[in-house]
Amino acid sequence: MERKEGIRKAGFDEMNMVRGELHQNGPAKPRQKLSLAEKAKYQFEADEEDDAMEEEIDDNLHQLGLAAGRLKGLAQATGNVVDEQNKTIDRLSHNTTHVDEQIARNSHKLKKFGF
């Protein structure tokens, strides 16, 4: 029962770690709007259609930036969880090696006595 509870708690802690990493970045920063003069430098024809296109491009780039930030947070959280799981695997590997050595010693002793 204790082992099951430990495994459940470890899974719960890992989920909380991922959630914490995702929310660590804080709220999304609002997009900085360029002035008409700044936009005009990059426009071929300065008309309403180009202004609307520039606005749409800016919005799309902002959304891509937000998505990339979320992916970065998720990747970092996943990396942290993998690091923690690797520590657990190393600990289990050490324990199983120790138990295997004990079994080998005891088997050797039993063979001496004819079992």
PDB file of N, CA and C in Angstrom:
ATOM      1  N   MET A   1       0.820  -1.202   0.000  1.00  0.00           N
ATOM      2  CA  MET A   1       0.000   0.000   0.000  1.00  0.00           C
ATOM      3  C   MET A   1       0.864   1.268   0.000  1.00  0.00           C
ATOM      4  N   GLU A   2       1.936   1.224   0.792  1.00  0.00           N
ATOM      5  CA  GLU A   2       2.816   2.395   0.850  1.00  0.00           C
ATOM      6  C   GLU A   2       3.474   2.634  -0.507  1.00  0.00           C
ATOM      7  N   ARG A   3       3.868   1.549  -1.175  1.00  0.00           N
ATOM      8  CA  ARG A   3       4.509   1.673  -2.480  1.00  0.00           C
ATOM      9  C   ARG A   3       3.531   2.263  -3.494  1.00  0.00           C
ATOM     10  N   LYS A   4       2.274   1.780  -3.479  1.00  0.00           N
ATOM     11  CA  LYS A   4       1.258   2.314  -4.391  1.00  0.00           C
ATOM     12  C   LYS A   4       1.038   3.801  -4.126  1.00  0.00           C
ATOM     13  N   GLU A   5       0.964   4.159  -2.850  1.00  0.00           N
ATOM     14  CA  GLU A   5       0.757   5.563  -2.494  1.00  0.00           C
ATOM     15  C   GLU A   5       1.942   6.411  -2.944  1.00  0.00           C
ATOM     16  N   GLY A   6       3.152   5.891  -2.817  1.00  0.00           N
ATOM     17  CA  GLY A   6       4.346   6.611  -3.260  1.00  0.00           C
ATOM     18  C   GLY A   6       4.346   6.833  -4.767  1.00  0.00           C
ATOM     19  N   ILE A   7       3.935   5.792  -5.512  1.00  0.00           N
ATOM     20  CA  ILE A   7       3.879   5.912  -6.972  1.00  0.00           C
ATOM     21  C   ILE A   7       2.818   6.933  -7.375  1.00  0.00           C
ATOM     22  N   ARG A   8       1.656   6.886  -6.728  1.00  0.00           N
ATOM     23  CA  ARG A   8       0.581   7.826  -7.032  1.00  0.00           C
ATOM     24  C   ARG A   8       1.023   9.253  -6.724  1.00  0.00           C
ATOM     25  N   LYS A   9       1.694   9.428  -5.581  1.00  0.00           N
ATOM     26  CA  LYS A   9       2.155  10.759  -5.192  1.00  0.00           C
ATOM     27  C   LYS A   9       3.211  11.275  -6.176  1.00  0.00           C
ATOM     28  N   ALA A  10       4.111  10.386  -6.628  1.00  0.00           N
ATOM     29  CA  ALA A  10       5.142  10.799  -7.587  1.00  0.00           C
ATOM     30  C   ALA A  10       4.497  11.265  -8.887  1.00  0.00           C
ATOM     31  N   GLY A  11       3.484  10.527  -9.372  1.00  0.00           N
ATOM     32  CA  GLY A  11       2.783  10.936 -10.590  1.00  0.00           C
ATOM     33  C   GLY A  11       2.083  12.267 -10.417  1.00  0.00           C
ATOM     34  N   PHE A  12       1.459  12.456  -9.268  1.00  0.00           N
ATOM     35  CA  PHE A  12       0.765  13.712  -8.968  1.00  0.00           C
ATOM     36  C   PHE A  12       1.762  14.868  -8.920  1.00  0.00           C
ATOM     37  N   ASP A  13       2.911  14.642  -8.269  1.00  0.00           N
ATOM     38  CA  ASP A  13       3.945  15.684  -8.181  1.00  0.00           C
ATOM     39  C   ASP A  13       4.482  16.053  -9.561  1.00  0.00           C
ATOM     40  N   GLU A  14       4.649  15.048 -10.439  1.00  0.00           N
ATOM     41  CA  GLU A  14       5.139  15.328 -11.783  1.00  0.00           C
ATOM     42  C   GLU A  14       4.136  16.163 -12.572  1.00  0.00           C
ATOM     43  N   MET A  15       2.845  15.843 -12.434  1.00  0.00           N
ATOM     44  CA  MET A  15       1.820  16.634 -13.120  1.00  0.00           C
ATOM     45  C   MET A  15       1.821  18.075 -12.608  1.00  0.00           C
ATOM     46  N   ASN A  16       1.962  18.248 -11.296  1.00  0.00           N
ATOM     47  CA  ASN A  16       2.018  19.596 -10.745  1.00  0.00           C
ATOM     48  C   ASN A  16       3.250  20.347 -11.221  1.00  0.00           C
ATOM     49  N   MET A  17       4.373  19.629 -11.401  1.00  0.00           N
ATOM     50  CA  MET A  17       5.590  20.263 -11.895  1.00  0.00           C
ATOM     51  C   MET A  17       5.371  20.773 -13.313  1.00  0.00           C
ATOM     52  N   VAL A  18       4.733  19.955 -14.140  1.00  0.00           N
ATOM     53  CA  VAL A  18       4.469  20.360 -15.528  1.00  0.00           C
ATOM     54  C   VAL A  18       3.538  21.562 -15.545  1.00  0.00           C
ATOM     55  N   ARG A  19       2.475  21.507 -14.740  1.00  0.00           N
ATOM     56  CA  ARG A  19       1.536  22.640 -14.697  1.00  0.00           C
ATOM     57  C   ARG A  19       2.231  23.910 -14.213  1.00  0.00           C
ATOM     58  N   GLY A  20       3.092  23.761 -13.212  1.00  0.00           N
ATOM     59  CA  GLY A  20       3.819  24.916 -12.690  1.00  0.00           C
ATOM     60  C   GLY A  20       4.737  25.528 -13.726  1.00  0.00           C
ATOM     61  N   GLU A  21       5.419  24.679 -14.487  1.00  0.00           N
ATOM     62  CA  GLU A  21       6.305  25.174 -15.543  1.00  0.00           C
ATOM     63  C   GLU A  21       5.514  25.902 -16.619  1.00  0.00           C
ATOM     64  N   LEU A  22       4.359  25.372 -16.962  1.00  0.00           N
ATOM     65  CA  LEU A  22       3.551  26.002 -18.011  1.00  0.00           C
ATOM     66  C   LEU A  22       3.018  27.353 -17.568  1.00  0.00           C
ATOM     67  N   HIS A  23       2.682  27.486 -16.293  1.00  0.00           N
ATOM     68  CA  HIS A  23       2.115  28.749 -15.815  1.00  0.00           C
ATOM     69  C   HIS A  23       3.185  29.709 -15.300  1.00  0.00           C
ATOM     70  N   GLN A  24       4.430  29.252 -15.279  1.00  0.00           N
ATOM     71  CA  GLN A  24       5.514  30.077 -14.756  1.00  0.00           C
ATOM     72  C   GLN A  24       5.788  31.291 -15.632  1.00  0.00           C
ATOM     73  N   ASN A  25       5.538  31.159 -16.910  1.00  0.00           N
ATOM     74  CA  ASN A  25       5.830  32.256 -17.833  1.00  0.00           C
ATOM     75  C   ASN A  25       4.953  33.472 -17.576  1.00  0.00           C
ATOM     76  N   GLY A  26       3.869  33.298 -16.874  1.00  0.00           N
ATOM     77  CA  GLY A  26       2.984  34.410 -16.576  1.00  0.00           C
ATOM     78  C   GLY A  26       2.046  34.708 -17.726  1.00  0.00           C
ATOM     79  N   PRO A  27       1.253  35.762 -17.582  1.00  0.00           N
ATOM     80  CA  PRO A  27       0.304  36.089 -18.646  1.00  0.00           C
ATOM     81  C   PRO A  27       1.022  36.554 -19.901  1.00  0.00           C
ATOM     82  N   ALA A  28       0.368  36.331 -21.010  1.00  0.00           N
ATOM     83  CA  ALA A  28       0.949  36.723 -22.293  1.00  0.00           C
ATOM     84  C   ALA A  28       1.061  38.242 -22.368  1.00  0.00           C
ATOM     85  N   LYS A  29       2.173  38.684 -22.920  1.00  0.00           N
ATOM     86  CA  LYS A  29       2.376  40.122 -23.078  1.00  0.00           C
ATOM     87  C   LYS A  29       1.552  40.596 -24.274  1.00  0.00           C
ATOM     88  N   PRO A  30       0.943  41.746 -24.144  1.00  0.00           N
ATOM     89  CA  PRO A  30       0.166  42.248 -25.282  1.00  0.00           C
ATOM     90  C   PRO A  30       1.093  42.614 -26.436  1.00  0.00           C
ATOM     91  N   ARG A  31       0.565  42.491 -27.612  1.00  0.00           N
ATOM     92  CA  ARG A  31       1.339  42.801 -28.816  1.00  0.00           C
ATOM     93  C   ARG A  31       1.571  44.299 -28.893  1.00  0.00           C
ATOM     94  N   GLN A  32       2.809  44.677 -29.238  1.00  0.00           N
ATOM     95  CA  GLN A  32       3.118  46.089 -29.409  1.00  0.00           C
ATOM     96  C   GLN A  32       2.723  46.497 -30.824  1.00  0.00           C
ATOM     97  N   LYS A  33       1.880  47.488 -30.908  1.00  0.00           N
ATOM     98  CA  LYS A  33       1.411  47.948 -32.218  1.00  0.00           C
ATOM     99  C   LYS A  33       2.390  48.989 -32.758  1.00  0.00           C
ATOM    100  N   LEU A  34       2.674  48.841 -34.040  1.00  0.00           N
ATOM    101  CA  LEU A  34       3.546  49.802 -34.705  1.00  0.00           C
ATOM    102  C   LEU A  34       2.723  51.006 -35.163  1.00  0.00           C
ATOM    103  N   SER A  35       3.368  52.158 -35.172  1.00  0.00           N
ATOM    104  CA  SER A  35       2.676  53.353 -35.653  1.00  0.00           C
ATOM    105  C   SER A  35       2.583  53.293 -37.178  1.00  0.00           C
ATOM    106  N   LEU A  36       1.723  54.119 -37.745  1.00  0.00           N
ATOM    107  CA  LEU A  36       1.570  54.158 -39.202  1.00  0.00           C
ATOM    108  C   LEU A  36       2.875  54.536 -39.893  1.00  0.00           C
ATOM    109  N   ALA A  37       3.646  55.429 -39.287  1.00  0.00           N
ATOM    110  CA  ALA A  37       4.921  55.831 -39.884  1.00  0.00           C
ATOM    111  C   ALA A  37       5.898  54.657 -39.916  1.00  0.00           C
ATOM    112  N   GLU A  38       5.925  53.857 -38.849  1.00  0.00           N
ATOM    113  CA  GLU A  38       6.812  52.698 -38.815  1.00  0.00           C
ATOM    114  C   GLU A  38       6.364  51.637 -39.819  1.00  0.00           C
ATOM    115  N   LYS A  39       5.054  51.457 -39.946  1.00  0.00           N
ATOM    116  CA  LYS A  39       4.527  50.493 -40.908  1.00  0.00           C
ATOM    117  C   LYS A  39       4.804  50.936 -42.345  1.00  0.00           C
ATOM    118  N   ALA A  40       4.736  52.220 -42.592  1.00  0.00           N
ATOM    119  CA  ALA A  40       4.904  52.743 -43.950  1.00  0.00           C
ATOM    120  C   ALA A  40       6.294  52.439 -44.508  1.00  0.00           C
ATOM    121  N   LYS A  41       7.290  52.270 -43.632  1.00  0.00           N
ATOM    122  CA  LYS A  41       8.641  51.976 -44.087  1.00  0.00           C
ATOM    123  C   LYS A  41       8.705  50.643 -44.831  1.00  0.00           C
ATOM    124  N   TYR A  42       7.826  49.714 -44.456  1.00  0.00           N
ATOM    125  CA  TYR A  42       7.895  48.361 -45.008  1.00  0.00           C
ATOM    126  C   TYR A  42       6.801  48.071 -46.036  1.00  0.00           C
ATOM    127  N   GLN A  43       5.943  49.018 -46.283  1.00  0.00           N
ATOM    128  CA  GLN A  43       4.837  48.783 -47.209  1.00  0.00           C
ATOM    129  C   GLN A  43       5.222  49.200 -48.626  1.00  0.00           C
ATOM    130  N   PHE A  44       4.745  48.403 -49.563  1.00  0.00           N
ATOM    131  CA  PHE A  44       4.968  48.732 -50.970  1.00  0.00           C
ATOM    132  C   PHE A  44       4.049  49.868 -51.376  1.00  0.00           C
ATOM    133  N   GLU A  45       2.778  49.706 -51.078  1.00  0.00           N
ATOM    134  CA  GLU A  45       1.797  50.768 -51.313  1.00  0.00           C
ATOM    135  C   GLU A  45       1.102  51.038 -49.987  1.00  0.00           C
ATOM    136  N   ALA A  46       1.132  52.279 -49.559  1.00  0.00           N
ATOM    137  CA  ALA A  46       0.523  52.615 -48.270  1.00  0.00           C
ATOM    138  C   ALA A  46      -0.963  52.891 -48.458  1.00  0.00           C
ATOM    139  N   ASP A  47      -1.763  51.813 -48.481  1.00  0.00           N
ATOM    140  CA  ASP A  47      -3.207  51.996 -48.564  1.00  0.00           C
ATOM    141  C   ASP A  47      -3.866  51.127 -47.482  1.00  0.00           C
ATOM    142  N   GLU A  48      -5.183  51.182 -47.405  1.00  0.00           N
ATOM    143  CA  GLU A  48      -5.899  50.468 -46.348  1.00  0.00           C
ATOM    144  C   GLU A  48      -5.714  48.958 -46.449  1.00  0.00           C
ATOM    145  N   GLU A  49      -5.653  48.452 -47.665  1.00  0.00           N
ATOM    146  CA  GLU A  49      -5.487  47.005 -47.841  1.00  0.00           C
ATOM    147  C   GLU A  49      -4.136  46.546 -47.282  1.00  0.00           C
ATOM    148  N   ASP A  50      -3.074  47.315 -47.568  1.00  0.00           N
ATOM    149  CA  ASP A  50      -1.757  46.976 -47.032  1.00  0.00           C
ATOM    150  C   ASP A  50      -1.728  47.125 -45.513  1.00  0.00           C
ATOM    151  N   ASP A  51      -2.399  48.155 -45.000  1.00  0.00           N
ATOM    152  CA  ASP A  51      -2.474  48.313 -43.545  1.00  0.00           C
ATOM    153  C   ASP A  51      -3.150  47.110 -42.897  1.00  0.00           C
ATOM    154  N   ALA A  52      -4.239  46.642 -43.502  1.00  0.00           N
ATOM    155  CA  ALA A  52      -4.956  45.487 -42.965  1.00  0.00           C
ATOM    156  C   ALA A  52      -4.089  44.232 -43.041  1.00  0.00           C
ATOM    157  N   MET A  53      -3.355  44.081 -44.140  1.00  0.00           N
ATOM    158  CA  MET A  53      -2.473  42.922 -44.283  1.00  0.00           C
ATOM    159  C   MET A  53      -1.358  42.955 -43.241  1.00  0.00           C
ATOM    160  N   GLU A  54      -0.777  44.123 -43.048  1.00  0.00           N
ATOM    161  CA  GLU A  54       0.292  44.266 -42.048  1.00  0.00           C
ATOM    162  C   GLU A  54      -0.237  43.942 -40.651  1.00  0.00           C
ATOM    163  N   GLU A  55      -1.439  44.408 -40.365  1.00  0.00           N
ATOM    164  CA  GLU A  55      -2.050  44.144 -39.065  1.00  0.00           C
ATOM    165  C   GLU A  55      -2.268  42.638 -38.875  1.00  0.00           C
ATOM    166  N   GLU A  56      -2.748  41.970 -39.920  1.00  0.00           N
ATOM    167  CA  GLU A  56      -2.975  40.528 -39.848  1.00  0.00           C
ATOM    168  C   GLU A  56      -1.653  39.772 -39.664  1.00  0.00           C
ATOM    169  N   ILE A  57      -0.622  40.192 -40.382  1.00  0.00           N
ATOM    170  CA  ILE A  57       0.695  39.564 -40.254  1.00  0.00           C
ATOM    171  C   ILE A  57       1.225  39.754 -38.838  1.00  0.00           C
ATOM    172  N   ASP A  58       1.084  40.963 -38.304  1.00  0.00           N
ATOM    173  CA  ASP A  58       1.540  41.226 -36.935  1.00  0.00           C
ATOM    174  C   ASP A  58       0.799  40.346 -35.930  1.00  0.00           C
ATOM    175  N   ASP A  59      -0.516  40.217 -36.102  1.00  0.00           N
ATOM    176  CA  ASP A  59      -1.303  39.368 -35.198  1.00  0.00           C
ATOM    177  C   ASP A  59      -0.846  37.910 -35.286  1.00  0.00           C
ATOM    178  N   ASN A  60      -0.635  37.438 -36.505  1.00  0.00           N
ATOM    179  CA  ASN A  60      -0.204  36.053 -36.684  1.00  0.00           C
ATOM    180  C   ASN A  60       1.176  35.803 -36.075  1.00  0.00           C
ATOM    181  N   LEU A  61       2.089  36.754 -36.260  1.00  0.00           N
ATOM    182  CA  LEU A  61       3.419  36.611 -35.664  1.00  0.00           C
ATOM    183  C   LEU A  61       3.343  36.609 -34.138  1.00  0.00           C
ATOM    184  N   HIS A  62       2.478  37.433 -33.601  1.00  0.00           N
ATOM    185  CA  HIS A  62       2.299  37.469 -32.151  1.00  0.00           C
ATOM    186  C   HIS A  62       1.760  36.126 -31.650  1.00  0.00           C
ATOM    187  N   GLN A  63       0.782  35.563 -32.340  1.00  0.00           N
ATOM    188  CA  GLN A  63       0.220  34.271 -31.951  1.00  0.00           C
ATOM    189  C   GLN A  63       1.279  33.167 -32.048  1.00  0.00           C
ATOM    190  N   LEU A  64       2.112  33.211 -33.085  1.00  0.00           N
ATOM    191  CA  LEU A  64       3.188  32.235 -33.220  1.00  0.00           C
ATOM    192  C   LEU A  64       4.189  32.350 -32.066  1.00  0.00           C
ATOM    193  N   GLY A  65       4.488  33.565 -31.686  1.00  0.00           N
ATOM    194  CA  GLY A  65       5.392  33.782 -30.559  1.00  0.00           C
ATOM    195  C   GLY A  65       4.834  33.214 -29.261  1.00  0.00           C
ATOM    196  N   LEU A  66       3.544  33.421 -29.041  1.00  0.00           N
ATOM    197  CA  LEU A  66       2.905  32.871 -27.843  1.00  0.00           C
ATOM    198  C   LEU A  66       2.937  31.346 -27.859  1.00  0.00           C
ATOM    199  N   ALA A  67       2.641  30.758 -29.009  1.00  0.00           N
ATOM    200  CA  ALA A  67       2.652  29.296 -29.129  1.00  0.00           C
ATOM    201  C   ALA A  67       4.063  28.750 -28.901  1.00  0.00           C
ATOM    202  N   ALA A  68       5.062  29.417 -29.447  1.00  0.00           N
ATOM    203  CA  ALA A  68       6.444  28.979 -29.251  1.00  0.00           C
ATOM    204  C   ALA A  68       6.832  29.060 -27.775  1.00  0.00           C
ATOM    205  N   GLY A  69       6.368  30.091 -27.094  1.00  0.00           N
ATOM    206  CA  GLY A  69       6.633  30.217 -25.660  1.00  0.00           C
ATOM    207  C   GLY A  69       5.998  29.093 -24.862  1.00  0.00           C
ATOM    208  N   ARG A  70       4.766  28.732 -25.221  1.00  0.00           N
ATOM    209  CA  ARG A  70       4.097  27.624 -24.532  1.00  0.00           C
ATOM    210  C   ARG A  70       4.826  26.309 -24.794  1.00  0.00           C
ATOM    211  N   LEU A  71       5.261  26.101 -26.043  1.00  0.00           N
ATOM    212  CA  LEU A  71       6.005  24.882 -26.376  1.00  0.00           C
ATOM    213  C   LEU A  71       7.328  24.814 -25.616  1.00  0.00           C
ATOM    214  N   LYS A  72       7.980  25.954 -25.475  1.00  0.00           N
ATOM    215  CA  LYS A  72       9.230  25.989 -24.720  1.00  0.00           C
ATOM    216  C   LYS A  72       8.983  25.592 -23.269  1.00  0.00           C
ATOM    217  N   GLY A  73       7.930  26.144 -22.672  1.00  0.00           N
ATOM    218  CA  GLY A  73       7.591  25.797 -21.292  1.00  0.00           C
ATOM    219  C   GLY A  73       7.281  24.318 -21.134  1.00  0.00           C
ATOM    220  N   LEU A  74       6.536  23.781 -22.093  1.00  0.00           N
ATOM    221  CA  LEU A  74       6.199  22.363 -22.054  1.00  0.00           C
ATOM    222  C   LEU A  74       7.455  21.500 -22.201  1.00  0.00           C
ATOM    223  N   ALA A  75       8.354  21.891 -23.096  1.00  0.00           N
ATOM    224  CA  ALA A  75       9.599  21.138 -23.286  1.00  0.00           C
ATOM    225  C   ALA A  75      10.458  21.178 -22.026  1.00  0.00           C
ATOM    226  N   GLN A  76      10.530  22.328 -21.376  1.00  0.00           N
ATOM    227  CA  GLN A  76      11.312  22.426 -20.148  1.00  0.00           C
ATOM    228  C   GLN A  76      10.693  21.588 -19.034  1.00  0.00           C
ATOM    229  N   ALA A  77       9.372  21.622 -18.920  1.00  0.00           N
ATOM    230  CA  ALA A  77       8.690  20.825 -17.902  1.00  0.00           C
ATOM    231  C   ALA A  77       8.895  19.342 -18.167  1.00  0.00           C
ATOM    232  N   THR A  78       8.805  18.938 -19.430  1.00  0.00           N
ATOM    233  CA  THR A  78       9.016  17.543 -19.788  1.00  0.00           C
ATOM    234  C   THR A  78      10.448  17.122 -19.457  1.00  0.00           C
ATOM    235  N   GLY A  79      11.405  17.988 -19.750  1.00  0.00           N
ATOM    236  CA  GLY A  79      12.799  17.704 -19.420  1.00  0.00           C
ATOM    237  C   GLY A  79      13.001  17.524 -17.922  1.00  0.00           C
ATOM    238  N   ASN A  80      12.354  18.360 -17.117  1.00  0.00           N
ATOM    239  CA  ASN A  80      12.463  18.236 -15.664  1.00  0.00           C
ATOM    240  C   ASN A  80      11.872  16.919 -15.173  1.00  0.00           C
ATOM    241  N   VAL A  81      10.727  16.528 -15.738  1.00  0.00           N
ATOM    242  CA  VAL A  81      10.096  15.264 -15.349  1.00  0.00           C
ATOM    243  C   VAL A  81      10.996  14.098 -15.741  1.00  0.00           C
ATOM    244  N   VAL A  82      11.574  14.140 -16.928  1.00  0.00           N
ATOM    245  CA  VAL A  82      12.471  13.069 -17.373  1.00  0.00           C
ATOM    246  C   VAL A  82      13.692  12.985 -16.459  1.00  0.00           C
ATOM    247  N   ASP A  83      14.234  14.124 -16.055  1.00  0.00           N
ATOM    248  CA  ASP A  83      15.376  14.118 -15.130  1.00  0.00           C
ATOM    249  C   ASP A  83      15.015  13.439 -13.815  1.00  0.00           C
ATOM    250  N   GLU A  84      13.843  13.766 -13.278  1.00  0.00           N
ATOM    251  CA  GLU A  84      13.392  13.144 -12.034  1.00  0.00           C
ATOM    252  C   GLU A  84      13.183  11.641 -12.215  1.00  0.00           C
ATOM    253  N   GLN A  85      12.610  11.248 -13.337  1.00  0.00           N
ATOM    254  CA  GLN A  85      12.391   9.823 -13.591  1.00  0.00           C
ATOM    255  C   GLN A  85      13.712   9.092 -13.788  1.00  0.00           C
ATOM    256  N   ASN A  86      14.697   9.740 -14.389  1.00  0.00           N
ATOM    257  CA  ASN A  86      16.018   9.125 -14.534  1.00  0.00           C
ATOM    258  C   ASN A  86      16.663   8.883 -13.173  1.00  0.00           C
ATOM    259  N   LYS A  87      16.474   9.809 -12.237  1.00  0.00           N
ATOM    260  CA  LYS A  87      16.992   9.611 -10.875  1.00  0.00           C
ATOM    261  C   LYS A  87      16.327   8.393 -10.241  1.00  0.00           C
ATOM    262  N   THR A  88      15.030   8.254 -10.438  1.00  0.00           N
ATOM    263  CA  THR A  88      14.307   7.102  -9.893  1.00  0.00           C
ATOM    264  C   THR A  88      14.809   5.811 -10.523  1.00  0.00           C
ATOM    265  N   ILE A  89      15.024   5.821 -11.839  1.00  0.00           N
ATOM    266  CA  ILE A  89      15.525   4.634 -12.539  1.00  0.00           C
ATOM    267  C   ILE A  89      16.924   4.269 -12.019  1.00  0.00           C
ATOM    268  N   ASP A  90      17.773   5.264 -11.817  1.00  0.00           N
ATOM    269  CA  ASP A  90      19.116   4.990 -11.287  1.00  0.00           C
ATOM    270  C   ASP A  90      19.045   4.362  -9.903  1.00  0.00           C
ATOM    271  N   ARG A  91      18.158   4.893  -9.068  1.00  0.00           N
ATOM    272  CA  ARG A  91      17.991   4.352  -7.720  1.00  0.00           C
ATOM    273  C   ARG A  91      17.496   2.904  -7.781  1.00  0.00           C
ATOM    274  N   LEU A  92      16.512   2.638  -8.643  1.00  0.00           N
ATOM    275  CA  LEU A  92      15.989   1.279  -8.787  1.00  0.00           C
ATOM    276  C   LEU A  92      17.055   0.341  -9.335  1.00  0.00           C
ATOM    277  N   SER A  93      17.845   0.816 -10.271  1.00  0.00           N
ATOM    278  CA  SER A  93      18.919   0.003 -10.850  1.00  0.00           C
ATOM    279  C   SER A  93      19.927  -0.382  -9.773  1.00  0.00           C
ATOM    280  N   HIS A  94      20.279   0.575  -8.935  1.00  0.00           N
ATOM    281  CA  HIS A  94      21.217   0.297  -7.842  1.00  0.00           C
ATOM    282  C   HIS A  94      20.629  -0.748  -6.900  1.00  0.00           C
ATOM    283  N   ASN A  95      19.348  -0.590  -6.553  1.00  0.00           N
ATOM    284  CA  ASN A  95      18.704  -1.544  -5.639  1.00  0.00           C
ATOM    285  C   ASN A  95      18.620  -2.937  -6.249  1.00  0.00           C
ATOM    286  N   THR A  96      18.272  -3.036  -7.522  1.00  0.00           N
ATOM    287  CA  THR A  96      18.150  -4.355  -8.149  1.00  0.00           C
ATOM    288  C   THR A  96      19.518  -5.016  -8.288  1.00  0.00           C
ATOM    289  N   THR A  97      20.562  -4.243  -8.541  1.00  0.00           N
ATOM    290  CA  THR A  97      21.911  -4.809  -8.604  1.00  0.00           C
ATOM    291  C   THR A  97      22.296  -5.391  -7.255  1.00  0.00           C
ATOM    292  N   HIS A  98      21.982  -4.657  -6.206  1.00  0.00           N
ATOM    293  CA  HIS A  98      22.289  -5.115  -4.846  1.00  0.00           C
ATOM    294  C   HIS A  98      21.525  -6.414  -4.538  1.00  0.00           C
ATOM    295  N   VAL A  99      20.247  -6.479  -4.862  1.00  0.00           N
ATOM    296  CA  VAL A  99      19.446  -7.679  -4.619  1.00  0.00           C
ATOM    297  C   VAL A  99      19.965  -8.848  -5.457  1.00  0.00           C
ATOM    298  N   ASP A 100      20.345  -8.596  -6.705  1.00  0.00           N
ATOM    299  CA  ASP A 100      20.880  -9.645  -7.571  1.00  0.00           C
ATOM    300  C   ASP A 100      22.164 -10.224  -6.982  1.00  0.00           C
ATOM    301  N   GLU A 101      23.020  -9.367  -6.449  1.00  0.00           N
ATOM    302  CA  GLU A 101      24.251  -9.842  -5.822  1.00  0.00           C
ATOM    303  C   GLU A 101      23.950 -10.696  -4.593  1.00  0.00           C
ATOM    304  N   GLN A 102      22.967 -10.307  -3.808  1.00  0.00           N
ATOM    305  CA  GLN A 102      22.581 -11.093  -2.632  1.00  0.00           C
ATOM    306  C   GLN A 102      22.039 -12.460  -3.046  1.00  0.00           C
ATOM    307  N   ILE A 103      21.234 -12.483  -4.097  1.00  0.00           N
ATOM    308  CA  ILE A 103      20.688 -13.758  -4.582  1.00  0.00           C
ATOM    309  C   ILE A 103      21.817 -14.666  -5.049  1.00  0.00           C
ATOM    310  N   ALA A 104      22.780 -14.129  -5.760  1.00  0.00           N
ATOM    311  CA  ALA A 104      23.919 -14.922  -6.240  1.00  0.00           C
ATOM    312  C   ALA A 104      24.708 -15.489  -5.063  1.00  0.00           C
ATOM    313  N   ARG A 105      24.959 -14.682  -4.040  1.00  0.00           N
ATOM    314  CA  ARG A 105      25.686 -15.159  -2.851  1.00  0.00           C
ATOM    315  C   ARG A 105      24.918 -16.262  -2.142  1.00  0.00           C
ATOM    316  N   ASN A 106      23.620 -16.047  -1.961  1.00  0.00           N
ATOM    317  CA  ASN A 106      22.813 -17.050  -1.262  1.00  0.00           C
ATOM    318  C   ASN A 106      22.701 -18.332  -2.081  1.00  0.00           C
ATOM    319  N   SER A 107      22.599 -18.226  -3.391  1.00  0.00           N
ATOM    320  CA  SER A 107      22.558 -19.420  -4.250  1.00  0.00           C
ATOM    321  C   SER A 107      23.861 -20.202  -4.131  1.00  0.00           C
ATOM    322  N   HIS A 108      24.966 -19.499  -4.097  1.00  0.00           N
ATOM    323  CA  HIS A 108      26.271 -20.150  -3.950  1.00  0.00           C
ATOM    324  C   HIS A 108      26.359 -20.882  -2.609  1.00  0.00           C
ATOM    325  N   LYS A 109      25.888 -20.228  -1.531  1.00  0.00           N
ATOM    326  CA  LYS A 109      25.892 -20.864  -0.207  1.00  0.00           C
ATOM    327  C   LYS A 109      25.016 -22.110  -0.201  1.00  0.00           C
ATOM    328  N   LEU A 110      23.844 -22.036  -0.839  1.00  0.00           N
ATOM    329  CA  LEU A 110      22.946 -23.189  -0.879  1.00  0.00           C
ATOM    330  C   LEU A 110      23.567 -24.349  -1.656  1.00  0.00           C
ATOM    331  N   LYS A 111      24.291 -24.058  -2.718  1.00  0.00           N
ATOM    332  CA  LYS A 111      24.969 -25.117  -3.488  1.00  0.00           C
ATOM    333  C   LYS A 111      26.020 -25.819  -2.656  1.00  0.00           C
ATOM    334  N   LYS A 112      26.686 -25.074  -1.751  1.00  0.00           N
ATOM    335  CA  LYS A 112      27.688 -25.669  -0.874  1.00  0.00           C
ATOM    336  C   LYS A 112      27.058 -26.725   0.032  1.00  0.00           C
ATOM    337  N   PHE A 113      25.824 -26.430   0.464  1.00  0.00           N
ATOM    338  CA  PHE A 113      25.155 -27.353   1.370  1.00  0.00           C
ATOM    339  C   PHE A 113      24.368 -28.435   0.632  1.00  0.00           C
ATOM    340  N   GLY A 114      24.421 -28.432  -0.674  1.00  0.00           N
ATOM    341  CA  GLY A 114      23.788 -29.478  -1.467  1.00  0.00           C
ATOM    342  C   GLY A 114      22.337 -29.230  -1.802  1.00  0.00           C
ATOM    343  N   PHE A 115      21.883 -28.012  -1.729  1.00  0.00           N
ATOM    344  CA  PHE A 115      20.477 -27.718  -2.085  1.00  0.00           C
ATOM    345  C   PHE A 115      20.358 -27.290  -3.516  1.00  0.00           C
TER     346      PHE A 115
END
